[in-house]
Amino acid sequence: MRLLELMTTEGCHLCDLAVPLLIEGMDPEQFEVDLVDIAFEDVLVERYGTRIPVLRDAKSGVELDWPFTAPQLAQFLHGLV
């Protein structure tokens, strides 16, 4: 199973839009998503503070920035497999 990280924080309305896309577009047998609250690490706030939500592959570090569509998500995930 491939681990993905969704960089997010509490109250992020764009993150609230991204989550349903992830739920609908990902095969739970292939991918697991960990929600990472960037507010607890200064380095994450610096890197992602103005970019969240960002979907990151934990293995390769490849990232998909918001806004992304269902087809863009599918292309991103296909590239990881």
C-alpha atoms as a PDB file:
ATOM      1  CA  MET A   1       0.000   0.000   0.000  1.00  0.00           C
ATOM      2  CA  ARG A   2       1.308   3.426  -0.959  1.00  0.00           C
ATOM      3  CA  LEU A   3       1.244   6.147   1.714  1.00  0.00           C
ATOM      4  CA  LEU A   4       0.196   9.630   0.692  1.00  0.00           C
ATOM      5  CA  GLU A   5       0.175  12.714   2.888  1.00  0.00           C
ATOM      6  CA  LEU A   6      -2.356  15.499   2.558  1.00  0.00           C
ATOM      7  CA  MET A   7      -0.828  18.686   3.893  1.00  0.00           C
ATOM      8  CA  THR A   8      -3.644  20.526   5.629  1.00  0.00           C
ATOM      9  CA  THR A   9      -4.592  22.489   8.726  1.00  0.00           C
ATOM     10  CA  GLU A  10      -7.693  23.102  10.791  1.00  0.00           C
ATOM     11  CA  GLY A  11     -10.202  25.406   9.134  1.00  0.00           C
ATOM     12  CA  CYS A  12      -8.759  25.034   5.629  1.00  0.00           C
ATOM     13  CA  HIS A  13     -11.790  25.351   3.354  1.00  0.00           C
ATOM     14  CA  LEU A  14      -9.792  24.320   0.285  1.00  0.00           C
ATOM     15  CA  CYS A  15      -8.731  21.160   2.107  1.00  0.00           C
ATOM     16  CA  ASP A  16     -12.403  20.466   2.733  1.00  0.00           C
ATOM     17  CA  LEU A  17     -12.877  20.530  -1.045  1.00  0.00           C
ATOM     18  CA  ALA A  18      -9.916  18.236  -1.709  1.00  0.00           C
ATOM     19  CA  VAL A  19     -10.902  15.454   0.694  1.00  0.00           C
ATOM     20  CA  PRO A  20     -14.028  14.312  -1.209  1.00  0.00           C
ATOM     21  CA  LEU A  21     -11.984  14.158  -4.425  1.00  0.00           C
ATOM     22  CA  LEU A  22      -9.493  11.907  -2.672  1.00  0.00           C
ATOM     23  CA  ILE A  23     -12.200   9.671  -1.257  1.00  0.00           C
ATOM     24  CA  GLU A  24     -13.848   9.268  -4.647  1.00  0.00           C
ATOM     25  CA  GLY A  25     -10.699   9.045  -6.720  1.00  0.00           C
ATOM     26  CA  MET A  26      -8.463   6.691  -4.774  1.00  0.00           C
ATOM     27  CA  ASP A  27      -8.481   2.930  -4.460  1.00  0.00           C
ATOM     28  CA  PRO A  28      -8.258   2.183  -0.700  1.00  0.00           C
ATOM     29  CA  GLU A  29      -6.524  -1.102  -1.549  1.00  0.00           C
ATOM     30  CA  GLN A  30      -3.647   0.795  -3.180  1.00  0.00           C
ATOM     31  CA  PHE A  31      -3.414   4.060  -1.273  1.00  0.00           C
ATOM     32  CA  GLU A  32      -3.619   5.284   2.296  1.00  0.00           C
ATOM     33  CA  VAL A  33      -3.840   9.002   3.098  1.00  0.00           C
ATOM     34  CA  ASP A  34      -2.406  10.536   6.236  1.00  0.00           C
ATOM     35  CA  LEU A  35      -3.687  14.035   7.054  1.00  0.00           C
ATOM     36  CA  VAL A  36      -0.691  16.120   8.137  1.00  0.00           C
ATOM     37  CA  ASP A  37      -1.535  19.287  10.068  1.00  0.00           C
ATOM     38  CA  ILE A  38       1.218  21.685   9.075  1.00  0.00           C
ATOM     39  CA  ALA A  39       0.513  24.006  12.040  1.00  0.00           C
ATOM     40  CA  PHE A  40       2.644  21.882  14.371  1.00  0.00           C
ATOM     41  CA  GLU A  41       5.933  22.204  12.486  1.00  0.00           C
ATOM     42  CA  ASP A  42       7.449  25.524  11.444  1.00  0.00           C
ATOM     43  CA  VAL A  43       9.228  23.969   8.471  1.00  0.00           C
ATOM     44  CA  LEU A  44       5.902  22.657   7.140  1.00  0.00           C
ATOM     45  CA  VAL A  45       4.205  26.033   7.660  1.00  0.00           C
ATOM     46  CA  GLU A  46       7.034  27.693   5.750  1.00  0.00           C
ATOM     47  CA  ARG A  47       6.880  25.189   2.895  1.00  0.00           C
ATOM     48  CA  TYR A  48       3.111  24.652   2.590  1.00  0.00           C
ATOM     49  CA  GLY A  49       1.478  27.602   4.385  1.00  0.00           C
ATOM     50  CA  THR A  50       0.292  29.313   1.207  1.00  0.00           C
ATOM     51  CA  ARG A  51      -0.078  26.133  -0.894  1.00  0.00           C
ATOM     52  CA  ILE A  52      -2.347  23.787   1.070  1.00  0.00           C
ATOM     53  CA  PRO A  53      -3.876  21.439   0.354  1.00  0.00           C
ATOM     54  CA  VAL A  54      -0.953  19.563  -1.158  1.00  0.00           C
ATOM     55  CA  LEU A  55      -1.006  15.816  -1.757  1.00  0.00           C
ATOM     56  CA  ARG A  56       2.461  14.312  -1.279  1.00  0.00           C
ATOM     57  CA  ASP A  57       3.721  10.825  -1.990  1.00  0.00           C
ATOM     58  CA  ALA A  58       5.657   9.837   1.151  1.00  0.00           C
ATOM     59  CA  LYS A  59       7.979   7.514  -0.780  1.00  0.00           C
ATOM     60  CA  SER A  60       9.085   9.708  -3.682  1.00  0.00           C
ATOM     61  CA  GLY A  61       8.230  13.177  -2.381  1.00  0.00           C
ATOM     62  CA  VAL A  62       6.275  13.955  -5.559  1.00  0.00           C
ATOM     63  CA  GLU A  63       3.563  16.526  -4.881  1.00  0.00           C
ATOM     64  CA  LEU A  64       0.228  17.518  -6.379  1.00  0.00           C
ATOM     65  CA  ASP A  65      -0.757  21.092  -5.561  1.00  0.00           C
ATOM     66  CA  TRP A  66      -4.287  22.418  -5.263  1.00  0.00           C
ATOM     67  CA  PRO A  67      -6.323  23.111  -7.248  1.00  0.00           C
ATOM     68  CA  PHE A  68      -6.516  19.662  -8.800  1.00  0.00           C
ATOM     69  CA  THR A  69      -9.357  17.944 -10.585  1.00  0.00           C
ATOM     70  CA  ALA A  70     -10.419  14.308 -10.513  1.00  0.00           C
ATOM     71  CA  PRO A  71      -8.603  13.615 -13.826  1.00  0.00           C
ATOM     72  CA  GLN A  72      -5.431  15.317 -12.545  1.00  0.00           C
ATOM     73  CA  LEU A  73      -5.609  13.248  -9.361  1.00  0.00           C
ATOM     74  CA  ALA A  74      -6.038  10.067 -11.410  1.00  0.00           C
ATOM     75  CA  GLN A  75      -3.015  10.970 -13.549  1.00  0.00           C
ATOM     76  CA  PHE A  76      -0.946  11.707 -10.411  1.00  0.00           C
ATOM     77  CA  LEU A  77      -1.908   8.400  -8.803  1.00  0.00           C
ATOM     78  CA  HIS A  78      -1.299   6.450 -12.016  1.00  0.00           C
ATOM     79  CA  GLY A  79       2.222   7.895 -12.130  1.00  0.00           C
ATOM     80  CA  LEU A  80       2.941   6.507  -8.669  1.00  0.00           C
ATOM     81  CA  VAL A  81       1.938   2.924  -9.377  1.00  0.00           C
END
